[in-house]
Amino acid sequence: MADWKCQKCGYTLKNEKPPEACPSCKEKCEFADVSCYTPDCGNTGTDNRL
């Protein structure tokens, strides 16, 4: 499962693939995969730098 972040409002969610529309802003937005699998992220699972 990946962590997806809405490029419009910043909402993040865990899912296999990004949704058609953002559950938060209800817009059809682009989503960035902000999952992180390296210790650089502090082992949180999400790369807050993105």
PDB file of N, CA and C in Angstrom:
ATOM      1  N   MET A   1       0.835  -1.174   0.000  1.00  0.00           N
ATOM      2  CA  MET A   1       0.000   0.000   0.000  1.00  0.00           C
ATOM      3  C   MET A   1       0.886   1.245   0.000  1.00  0.00           C
ATOM      4  N   ALA A   2       0.480   2.243  -0.728  1.00  0.00           N
ATOM      5  CA  ALA A   2       1.276   3.460  -0.865  1.00  0.00           C
ATOM      6  C   ALA A   2       0.606   4.627  -0.131  1.00  0.00           C
ATOM      7  N   ASP A   3       1.404   5.650   0.137  1.00  0.00           N
ATOM      8  CA  ASP A   3       0.895   6.896   0.716  1.00  0.00           C
ATOM      9  C   ASP A   3       0.783   7.901  -0.417  1.00  0.00           C
ATOM     10  N   TRP A   4      -0.407   8.432  -0.631  1.00  0.00           N
ATOM     11  CA  TRP A   4      -0.672   9.383  -1.710  1.00  0.00           C
ATOM     12  C   TRP A   4      -1.001  10.741  -1.137  1.00  0.00           C
ATOM     13  N   LYS A   5      -0.465  11.804  -1.751  1.00  0.00           N
ATOM     14  CA  LYS A   5      -0.700  13.171  -1.290  1.00  0.00           C
ATOM     15  C   LYS A   5      -1.303  13.990  -2.419  1.00  0.00           C
ATOM     16  N   CYS A   6      -2.424  14.650  -2.129  1.00  0.00           N
ATOM     17  CA  CYS A   6      -3.085  15.526  -3.103  1.00  0.00           C
ATOM     18  C   CYS A   6      -2.185  16.735  -3.346  1.00  0.00           C
ATOM     19  N   GLN A   7      -1.909  17.026  -4.591  1.00  0.00           N
ATOM     20  CA  GLN A   7      -1.045  18.152  -4.932  1.00  0.00           C
ATOM     21  C   GLN A   7      -1.754  19.494  -4.819  1.00  0.00           C
ATOM     22  N   LYS A   8      -3.072  19.464  -4.622  1.00  0.00           N
ATOM     23  CA  LYS A   8      -3.829  20.703  -4.508  1.00  0.00           C
ATOM     24  C   LYS A   8      -4.000  21.127  -3.039  1.00  0.00           C
ATOM     25  N   CYS A   9      -4.480  20.203  -2.187  1.00  0.00           N
ATOM     26  CA  CYS A   9      -4.785  20.582  -0.804  1.00  0.00           C
ATOM     27  C   CYS A   9      -3.856  19.947   0.232  1.00  0.00           C
ATOM     28  N   GLY A  10      -3.038  18.955  -0.177  1.00  0.00           N
ATOM     29  CA  GLY A  10      -2.097  18.343   0.745  1.00  0.00           C
ATOM     30  C   GLY A  10      -2.640  17.156   1.531  1.00  0.00           C
ATOM     31  N   TYR A  11      -3.876  16.756   1.273  1.00  0.00           N
ATOM     32  CA  TYR A  11      -4.478  15.608   1.952  1.00  0.00           C
ATOM     33  C   TYR A  11      -3.694  14.344   1.606  1.00  0.00           C
ATOM     34  N   THR A  12      -3.444  13.484   2.601  1.00  0.00           N
ATOM     35  CA  THR A  12      -2.737  12.226   2.351  1.00  0.00           C
ATOM     36  C   THR A  12      -3.614  11.053   2.749  1.00  0.00           C
ATOM     37  N   LEU A  13      -3.449   9.946   2.024  1.00  0.00           N
ATOM     38  CA  LEU A  13      -4.176   8.723   2.328  1.00  0.00           C
ATOM     39  C   LEU A  13      -3.364   7.518   1.914  1.00  0.00           C
ATOM     40  N   LYS A  14      -3.653   6.371   2.534  1.00  0.00           N
ATOM     41  CA  LYS A  14      -3.022   5.106   2.177  1.00  0.00           C
ATOM     42  C   LYS A  14      -3.982   4.347   1.277  1.00  0.00           C
ATOM     43  N   ASN A  15      -3.468   3.889   0.142  1.00  0.00           N
ATOM     44  CA  ASN A  15      -4.294   3.144  -0.795  1.00  0.00           C
ATOM     45  C   ASN A  15      -3.388   2.462  -1.810  1.00  0.00           C
ATOM     46  N   GLU A  16      -3.922   1.484  -2.522  1.00  0.00           N
ATOM     47  CA  GLU A  16      -3.158   0.801  -3.558  1.00  0.00           C
ATOM     48  C   GLU A  16      -2.854   1.729  -4.729  1.00  0.00           C
ATOM     49  N   LYS A  17      -3.837   2.593  -5.067  1.00  0.00           N
ATOM     50  CA  LYS A  17      -3.665   3.548  -6.160  1.00  0.00           C
ATOM     51  C   LYS A  17      -4.372   4.844  -5.777  1.00  0.00           C
ATOM     52  N   PRO A  18      -4.020   5.957  -6.416  1.00  0.00           N
ATOM     53  CA  PRO A  18      -4.660   7.230  -6.060  1.00  0.00           C
ATOM     54  C   PRO A  18      -6.130   7.236  -6.472  1.00  0.00           C
ATOM     55  N   PRO A  19      -6.973   7.955  -5.723  1.00  0.00           N
ATOM     56  CA  PRO A  19      -8.399   8.017  -6.075  1.00  0.00           C
ATOM     57  C   PRO A  19      -8.646   8.904  -7.289  1.00  0.00           C
ATOM     58  N   GLU A  20      -9.824   8.773  -7.852  1.00  0.00           N
ATOM     59  CA  GLU A  20     -10.218   9.609  -8.993  1.00  0.00           C
ATOM     60  C   GLU A  20     -10.342  11.069  -8.554  1.00  0.00           C
ATOM     61  N   ALA A  21     -10.976  11.294  -7.402  1.00  0.00           N
ATOM     62  CA  ALA A  21     -11.154  12.641  -6.862  1.00  0.00           C
ATOM     63  C   ALA A  21     -10.679  12.640  -5.410  1.00  0.00           C
ATOM     64  N   CYS A  22     -10.142  13.737  -4.970  1.00  0.00           N
ATOM     65  CA  CYS A  22      -9.635  13.863  -3.605  1.00  0.00           C
ATOM     66  C   CYS A  22     -10.796  13.804  -2.611  1.00  0.00           C
ATOM     67  N   PRO A  23     -10.703  12.949  -1.592  1.00  0.00           N
ATOM     68  CA  PRO A  23     -11.762  12.881  -0.579  1.00  0.00           C
ATOM     69  C   PRO A  23     -11.891  14.165   0.239  1.00  0.00           C
ATOM     70  N   SER A  24     -10.854  14.981   0.282  1.00  0.00           N
ATOM     71  CA  SER A  24     -10.877  16.197   1.085  1.00  0.00           C
ATOM     72  C   SER A  24     -11.422  17.397   0.309  1.00  0.00           C
ATOM     73  N   CYS A  25     -10.790  17.737  -0.803  1.00  0.00           N
ATOM     74  CA  CYS A  25     -11.209  18.935  -1.546  1.00  0.00           C
ATOM     75  C   CYS A  25     -12.215  18.625  -2.653  1.00  0.00           C
ATOM     76  N   LYS A  26     -12.502  17.326  -2.870  1.00  0.00           N
ATOM     77  CA  LYS A  26     -13.511  16.878  -3.852  1.00  0.00           C
ATOM     78  C   LYS A  26     -13.160  17.241  -5.290  1.00  0.00           C
ATOM     79  N   GLU A  27     -11.910  17.610  -5.529  1.00  0.00           N
ATOM     80  CA  GLU A  27     -11.463  17.969  -6.875  1.00  0.00           C
ATOM     81  C   GLU A  27     -10.799  16.751  -7.535  1.00  0.00           C
ATOM     82  N   LYS A  28     -10.688  16.797  -8.841  1.00  0.00           N
ATOM     83  CA  LYS A  28      -9.946  15.776  -9.582  1.00  0.00           C
ATOM     84  C   LYS A  28      -8.503  16.276  -9.646  1.00  0.00           C
ATOM     85  N   CYS A  29      -7.670  15.810  -8.720  1.00  0.00           N
ATOM     86  CA  CYS A  29      -6.320  16.332  -8.546  1.00  0.00           C
ATOM     87  C   CYS A  29      -5.269  15.296  -8.925  1.00  0.00           C
ATOM     88  N   GLU A  30      -4.047  15.772  -9.070  1.00  0.00           N
ATOM     89  CA  GLU A  30      -2.927  14.864  -9.235  1.00  0.00           C
ATOM     90  C   GLU A  30      -2.449  14.461  -7.847  1.00  0.00           C
ATOM     91  N   PHE A  31      -2.064  13.207  -7.696  1.00  0.00           N
ATOM     92  CA  PHE A  31      -1.567  12.695  -6.438  1.00  0.00           C
ATOM     93  C   PHE A  31      -0.116  12.261  -6.601  1.00  0.00           C
ATOM     94  N   ALA A  32       0.703  12.573  -5.603  1.00  0.00           N
ATOM     95  CA  ALA A  32       2.103  12.168  -5.595  1.00  0.00           C
ATOM     96  C   ALA A  32       2.265  11.023  -4.605  1.00  0.00           C
ATOM     97  N   ASP A  33       3.063  10.027  -4.993  1.00  0.00           N
ATOM     98  CA  ASP A  33       3.378   8.925  -4.089  1.00  0.00           C
ATOM     99  C   ASP A  33       4.449   9.419  -3.121  1.00  0.00           C
ATOM    100  N   VAL A  34       4.088   9.591  -1.854  1.00  0.00           N
ATOM    101  CA  VAL A  34       5.021  10.095  -0.845  1.00  0.00           C
ATOM    102  C   VAL A  34       5.472   8.983   0.101  1.00  0.00           C
ATOM    103  N   SER A  35       5.329   7.732  -0.337  1.00  0.00           N
ATOM    104  CA  SER A  35       5.793   6.601   0.464  1.00  0.00           C
ATOM    105  C   SER A  35       7.297   6.651   0.577  1.00  0.00           C
ATOM    106  N   CYS A  36       7.810   6.224   1.705  1.00  0.00           N
ATOM    107  CA  CYS A  36       9.251   6.218   1.901  1.00  0.00           C
ATOM    108  C   CYS A  36       9.661   4.898   2.536  1.00  0.00           C
ATOM    109  N   TYR A  37      10.680   4.299   1.976  1.00  0.00           N
ATOM    110  CA  TYR A  37      11.148   3.016   2.460  1.00  0.00           C
ATOM    111  C   TYR A  37      12.593   3.079   2.935  1.00  0.00           C
ATOM    112  N   THR A  38      13.075   4.277   3.199  1.00  0.00           N
ATOM    113  CA  THR A  38      14.460   4.437   3.639  1.00  0.00           C
ATOM    114  C   THR A  38      14.501   5.065   5.027  1.00  0.00           C
ATOM    115  N   PRO A  39      15.579   4.864   5.775  1.00  0.00           N
ATOM    116  CA  PRO A  39      15.703   5.469   7.104  1.00  0.00           C
ATOM    117  C   PRO A  39      15.713   6.996   7.087  1.00  0.00           C
ATOM    118  N   ASP A  40      15.944   7.616   5.923  1.00  0.00           N
ATOM    119  CA  ASP A  40      15.955   9.081   5.824  1.00  0.00           C
ATOM    120  C   ASP A  40      14.642   9.698   6.275  1.00  0.00           C
ATOM    121  N   CYS A  41      13.555   8.940   6.218  1.00  0.00           N
ATOM    122  CA  CYS A  41      12.228   9.439   6.583  1.00  0.00           C
ATOM    123  C   CYS A  41      11.926   9.246   8.064  1.00  0.00           C
ATOM    124  N   GLY A  42      12.863   8.730   8.809  1.00  0.00           N
ATOM    125  CA  GLY A  42      12.622   8.479  10.216  1.00  0.00           C
ATOM    126  C   GLY A  42      11.740   7.261  10.432  1.00  0.00           C
ATOM    127  N   ASN A  43      11.707   6.371   9.461  1.00  0.00           N
ATOM    128  CA  ASN A  43      10.909   5.145   9.521  1.00  0.00           C
ATOM    129  C   ASN A  43       9.428   5.404   9.758  1.00  0.00           C
ATOM    130  N   THR A  44       8.915   6.541   9.282  1.00  0.00           N
ATOM    131  CA  THR A  44       7.500   6.857   9.456  1.00  0.00           C
ATOM    132  C   THR A  44       6.646   6.259   8.348  1.00  0.00           C
ATOM    133  N   GLY A  45       7.262   5.894   7.222  1.00  0.00           N
ATOM    134  CA  GLY A  45       6.512   5.370   6.085  1.00  0.00           C
ATOM    135  C   GLY A  45       6.126   6.450   5.094  1.00  0.00           C
ATOM    136  N   THR A  46       6.165   7.711   5.513  1.00  0.00           N
ATOM    137  CA  THR A  46       5.810   8.830   4.643  1.00  0.00           C
ATOM    138  C   THR A  46       6.969   9.792   4.564  1.00  0.00           C
ATOM    139  N   ASP A  47       7.280  10.228   3.357  1.00  0.00           N
ATOM    140  CA  ASP A  47       8.368  11.189   3.166  1.00  0.00           C
ATOM    141  C   ASP A  47       7.794  12.593   3.246  1.00  0.00           C
ATOM    142  N   ASN A  48       7.922  13.252   4.383  1.00  0.00           N
ATOM    143  CA  ASN A  48       7.358  14.583   4.590  1.00  0.00           C
ATOM    144  C   ASN A  48       8.077  15.662   3.794  1.00  0.00           C
ATOM    145  N   ARG A  49       9.190  15.303   3.171  1.00  0.00           N
ATOM    146  CA  ARG A  49       9.922  16.278   2.347  1.00  0.00           C
ATOM    147  C   ARG A  49       9.219  16.514   1.021  1.00  0.00           C
ATOM    148  N   LEU A  50       8.300  15.622   0.649  1.00  0.00           N
ATOM    149  CA  LEU A  50       7.584  15.737  -0.642  1.00  0.00           C
ATOM    150  C   LEU A  50       6.302  16.486  -0.472  1.00  0.00           C
TER     151      LEU A  50
END
